[in-house]
Amino acid sequence: MAKKAAESTLSLRPLDDRVVVEPLEAEEKTSGGILLPDTAKQKPQQGKVIAVGPGKLSEKGERTLVAVKVGDTVLFGKYSGSDVEVSGKELKILRESDILAKVAK
């Protein structure tokens, strides 16, 4: 149900094994407490899944399930996926294979 609500407000539905991720904000300060200016911040490599495609179509015509679901927090490569802006939000569209790990809660 949450998946449908997110997609309807987003008006974006990923295809095949693609996943829409909202990147988390970059760290504002270092572990030592030093504040970082915008130019020194690294691109975030962690984000929250907000939409998931139906899965990749196999050669037999069956859909394979995607391993992540809406609401999961995932890690992805620094330069992986495509950056898009939808309704003023910065989002990333990744293939399932671009996702490195799911963050355990």
C-alpha atoms as a PDB file:
ATOM      1  CA  MET A   1       0.000   0.000   0.000  1.00  0.00           C
ATOM      2  CA  ALA A   2       2.858   2.411   0.811  1.00  0.00           C
ATOM      3  CA  LYS A   3       4.363   1.652  -2.583  1.00  0.00           C
ATOM      4  CA  LYS A   4       1.202   2.821  -4.366  1.00  0.00           C
ATOM      5  CA  ALA A   5       1.005   6.002  -2.277  1.00  0.00           C
ATOM      6  CA  ALA A   6       4.629   6.920  -3.009  1.00  0.00           C
ATOM      7  CA  GLU A   7       4.209   6.273  -6.726  1.00  0.00           C
ATOM      8  CA  SER A   8       0.989   8.269  -7.009  1.00  0.00           C
ATOM      9  CA  THR A   9       2.520  11.357  -5.370  1.00  0.00           C
ATOM     10  CA  LEU A  10       5.722  10.881  -7.346  1.00  0.00           C
ATOM     11  CA  SER A  11       4.114  10.146 -10.733  1.00  0.00           C
ATOM     12  CA  LEU A  12       7.174   8.029 -11.462  1.00  0.00           C
ATOM     13  CA  ARG A  13       7.050   4.266 -11.890  1.00  0.00           C
ATOM     14  CA  PRO A  14      10.340   2.430 -12.577  1.00  0.00           C
ATOM     15  CA  LEU A  15      10.468  -0.318 -15.201  1.00  0.00           C
ATOM     16  CA  ASP A  16      11.956  -3.818 -15.003  1.00  0.00           C
ATOM     17  CA  ASP A  17      14.585  -4.154 -12.248  1.00  0.00           C
ATOM     18  CA  ARG A  18      15.046  -0.423 -11.723  1.00  0.00           C
ATOM     19  CA  VAL A  19      14.726   1.195  -8.307  1.00  0.00           C
ATOM     20  CA  VAL A  20      14.087   4.880  -7.456  1.00  0.00           C
ATOM     21  CA  VAL A  21      16.161   6.027  -4.476  1.00  0.00           C
ATOM     22  CA  GLU A  22      16.113   9.304  -2.573  1.00  0.00           C
ATOM     23  CA  PRO A  23      19.746   9.929  -1.554  1.00  0.00           C
ATOM     24  CA  LEU A  24      20.325  10.799   2.099  1.00  0.00           C
ATOM     25  CA  GLU A  25      21.942  14.133   2.890  1.00  0.00           C
ATOM     26  CA  ALA A  26      25.741  14.390   2.880  1.00  0.00           C
ATOM     27  CA  GLU A  27      27.445  14.623   6.265  1.00  0.00           C
ATOM     28  CA  GLU A  28      27.583  18.167   7.659  1.00  0.00           C
ATOM     29  CA  LYS A  29      30.565  17.531   9.932  1.00  0.00           C
ATOM     30  CA  THR A  30      33.367  15.017  10.368  1.00  0.00           C
ATOM     31  CA  SER A  31      33.561  12.497  13.203  1.00  0.00           C
ATOM     32  CA  GLY A  32      35.999  14.918  14.893  1.00  0.00           C
ATOM     33  CA  GLY A  33      33.389  17.693  14.849  1.00  0.00           C
ATOM     34  CA  ILE A  34      34.772  19.809  11.992  1.00  0.00           C
ATOM     35  CA  LEU A  35      32.033  21.484   9.910  1.00  0.00           C
ATOM     36  CA  LEU A  36      32.339  20.812   6.182  1.00  0.00           C
ATOM     37  CA  PRO A  37      31.619  23.448   3.514  1.00  0.00           C
ATOM     38  CA  ASP A  38      29.369  22.426   0.597  1.00  0.00           C
ATOM     39  CA  THR A  39      32.369  22.029  -1.724  1.00  0.00           C
ATOM     40  CA  ALA A  40      34.040  19.472   0.579  1.00  0.00           C
ATOM     41  CA  LYS A  41      30.994  17.239   1.052  1.00  0.00           C
ATOM     42  CA  GLN A  42      31.090  13.862  -0.656  1.00  0.00           C
ATOM     43  CA  LYS A  43      28.229  12.608  -2.793  1.00  0.00           C
ATOM     44  CA  PRO A  44      25.912  10.505  -0.626  1.00  0.00           C
ATOM     45  CA  GLN A  45      26.169   6.778  -1.241  1.00  0.00           C
ATOM     46  CA  GLN A  46      23.181   5.823   0.869  1.00  0.00           C
ATOM     47  CA  GLY A  47      19.506   6.381   0.227  1.00  0.00           C
ATOM     48  CA  LYS A  48      15.932   5.356   0.888  1.00  0.00           C
ATOM     49  CA  VAL A  49      14.028   3.289  -1.698  1.00  0.00           C
ATOM     50  CA  ILE A  50      10.837   5.104  -2.712  1.00  0.00           C
ATOM     51  CA  ALA A  51       9.721   3.017  -5.724  1.00  0.00           C
ATOM     52  CA  VAL A  52      10.561  -0.422  -7.144  1.00  0.00           C
ATOM     53  CA  GLY A  53       9.933  -1.838 -10.613  1.00  0.00           C
ATOM     54  CA  PRO A  54       8.153  -5.165 -11.197  1.00  0.00           C
ATOM     55  CA  GLY A  55      11.397  -7.102 -11.779  1.00  0.00           C
ATOM     56  CA  LYS A  56      13.428  -8.196 -14.760  1.00  0.00           C
ATOM     57  CA  LEU A  57      11.749 -10.342 -17.399  1.00  0.00           C
ATOM     58  CA  SER A  58      13.521 -13.710 -17.767  1.00  0.00           C
ATOM     59  CA  GLU A  59      13.984 -15.583 -21.044  1.00  0.00           C
ATOM     60  CA  LYS A  60      11.029 -17.783 -20.063  1.00  0.00           C
ATOM     61  CA  GLY A  61       8.794 -14.703 -19.787  1.00  0.00           C
ATOM     62  CA  GLU A  62       8.616 -14.724 -15.986  1.00  0.00           C
ATOM     63  CA  ARG A  63       9.383 -11.758 -13.722  1.00  0.00           C
ATOM     64  CA  THR A  64      12.206 -12.175 -11.211  1.00  0.00           C
ATOM     65  CA  LEU A  65      11.565 -10.528  -7.857  1.00  0.00           C
ATOM     66  CA  VAL A  66      13.565  -7.453  -6.839  1.00  0.00           C
ATOM     67  CA  ALA A  67      15.471  -7.960  -3.567  1.00  0.00           C
ATOM     68  CA  VAL A  68      14.631  -4.534  -2.115  1.00  0.00           C
ATOM     69  CA  LYS A  69      11.295  -2.959  -1.210  1.00  0.00           C
ATOM     70  CA  VAL A  70       9.953   0.534  -0.613  1.00  0.00           C
ATOM     71  CA  GLY A  71      11.298   1.951   2.652  1.00  0.00           C
ATOM     72  CA  ASP A  72      14.600   0.016   2.624  1.00  0.00           C
ATOM     73  CA  THR A  73      17.846   1.945   3.105  1.00  0.00           C
ATOM     74  CA  VAL A  74      20.467   0.903   0.544  1.00  0.00           C
ATOM     75  CA  LEU A  75      24.106   1.574  -0.337  1.00  0.00           C
ATOM     76  CA  PHE A  76      25.075   2.263  -3.944  1.00  0.00           C
ATOM     77  CA  GLY A  77      28.202   3.185  -5.879  1.00  0.00           C
ATOM     78  CA  LYS A  78      29.311   6.833  -5.914  1.00  0.00           C
ATOM     79  CA  TYR A  79      28.717   7.311  -9.651  1.00  0.00           C
ATOM     80  CA  SER A  80      26.103   4.624 -10.309  1.00  0.00           C
ATOM     81  CA  GLY A  81      22.614   5.198 -11.670  1.00  0.00           C
ATOM     82  CA  SER A  82      21.049   8.281 -13.212  1.00  0.00           C
ATOM     83  CA  ASP A  83      20.360  11.492 -11.316  1.00  0.00           C
ATOM     84  CA  VAL A  84      16.925  12.981 -12.031  1.00  0.00           C
ATOM     85  CA  GLU A  85      14.811  15.762 -10.535  1.00  0.00           C
ATOM     86  CA  VAL A  86      11.085  15.117 -10.106  1.00  0.00           C
ATOM     87  CA  SER A  87       8.750  17.610  -8.409  1.00  0.00           C
ATOM     88  CA  GLY A  88      11.742  19.485  -6.977  1.00  0.00           C
ATOM     89  CA  LYS A  89      13.270  16.329  -5.426  1.00  0.00           C
ATOM     90  CA  GLU A  90      16.714  15.020  -6.353  1.00  0.00           C
ATOM     91  CA  LEU A  91      16.353  11.281  -7.036  1.00  0.00           C
ATOM     92  CA  LYS A  92      18.500   8.458  -8.368  1.00  0.00           C
ATOM     93  CA  ILE A  93      17.281   5.697 -10.670  1.00  0.00           C
ATOM     94  CA  LEU A  94      19.397   2.553 -10.284  1.00  0.00           C
ATOM     95  CA  ARG A  95      19.317  -0.960 -11.644  1.00  0.00           C
ATOM     96  CA  GLU A  96      19.047  -3.592  -8.939  1.00  0.00           C
ATOM     97  CA  SER A  97      22.603  -4.684  -9.801  1.00  0.00           C
ATOM     98  CA  ASP A  98      23.888  -1.132  -8.954  1.00  0.00           C
ATOM     99  CA  ILE A  99      22.737  -1.577  -5.348  1.00  0.00           C
ATOM    100  CA  LEU A 100      25.651  -2.816  -3.255  1.00  0.00           C
ATOM    101  CA  ALA A 101      23.878  -3.639   0.015  1.00  0.00           C
ATOM    102  CA  LYS A 102      20.779  -3.199   2.135  1.00  0.00           C
ATOM    103  CA  VAL A 103      21.363  -1.488   5.485  1.00  0.00           C
ATOM    104  CA  ALA A 104      20.150  -3.701   8.357  1.00  0.00           C
ATOM    105  CA  LYS A 105      18.004  -1.926  10.925  1.00  0.00           C
END
